Amino acid sequence: MGLYDRDYATVRDPSRREDGGFRALFGHHSTLTVLIAVNIAVFILWQIPSLKDVMETHFVCRSDGVLNHWRLHTLLTAAISHQEIFHLLMNMVVLYWLGKKLEVVYGSLDFLLLYCIAGAISSAGDIGMKLAFSELLAQYAGALGASGAVMGIAVCTAFLYPDEELMLFGLAPIKLKWLVVIYCVWDLHKIFVGPADGIGHAAHLGGAFAGFLYSKYDLRMFPVDGGPRFTPLRALRNLFRRKPRLRVVEQVTPGNVVEEPLSRSASARLGRVDADTAERVDRLLKKISEQGMGALTPEERRFLESSSEKYKR
């Protein structure tokens, strides 16, 4: 049996991603493109004076509106709403900057789902903080903006590419994982130490928490490249189980099967591939089990394809 005879190791054409009905609705436009366009469209609506009351009612998340008037939709609509051009540009630049890689790995529908979940939880976190610190309610005008949803996407991207270096303010390189940690610590400091600056720091942390849960426990709902669908039981199971180690089954004699981890020493004993190749194959198969096939680079896919031929010999 070759390496690619196994279902979990099958490399599929990235252009044939199974993204459900999203492509039918939006053609070849990515989720990222659609989200940016929607945010821009809502910003334009804010600039129309006759729509101001409607926008204030349905595109700003307030504790009174959600808890007393049941405007639950504002938990989501606030995450696509911006009144100021700088606020919009900052969020959209970061969304594009971090989201383009994540959508390739997660697929269009799960990327959209993550944005919505992180946005809703960030709005709920902002309401929760304002209720916990009731003295702030007098000055509380409501929350809006995509910052919380963007934080969720940033955390998921940091899980996938923790050591990717970015330029902080265009001056100094910093790894993505440390950039996310710094922002979370800053938000915590602002909540508990202050001073108040009019920024929804609790919303940022709510979005970051959503991104952590989504990535850590693999809560993707839609199949990508033949991956499994989300079910409540699978989500519950993932909370309490370790990820299984990939194994290779080698038939020694008829009716007698030996099962061993695919490690450097085991592959050397099998004599099929050199130890360095076996070690890298082991790492890449582990990456597939944890992140899915979409996480592989083109070079890694080619390497696995060439390695498969060695396993067939």
Foldseek 3Di string as FASTA:
>chain_A
DFPCVDPLLPDDDLVPWCQDCPCVVVPPDFLLNVLLVLLVVQLVLCVDVVCVVVCLLQQFQDPCCCPPVVSLNNLQNLLSHDPDPVLSVVLSVLCVVQVVLVCLQQPRVLLVVLQRQQSSQLQVQLNVLCVVVVVCNVVDSGGGYNLRSSLLSLLLSCVLQVQDWDQDVVHDTDGSVVVSVVLLVVLVCCSPPHDDDPDSSSSNVSSNVSSCLCQQQVQRADGTPNDDGHDPVSSVVSVPDDQDQDWDWDDDDVPDIDIDGQALVVVVVVVQDHSVLSHVVSVVSVCCSRRNPSSDDPVRSVSSVVVSVSRVD
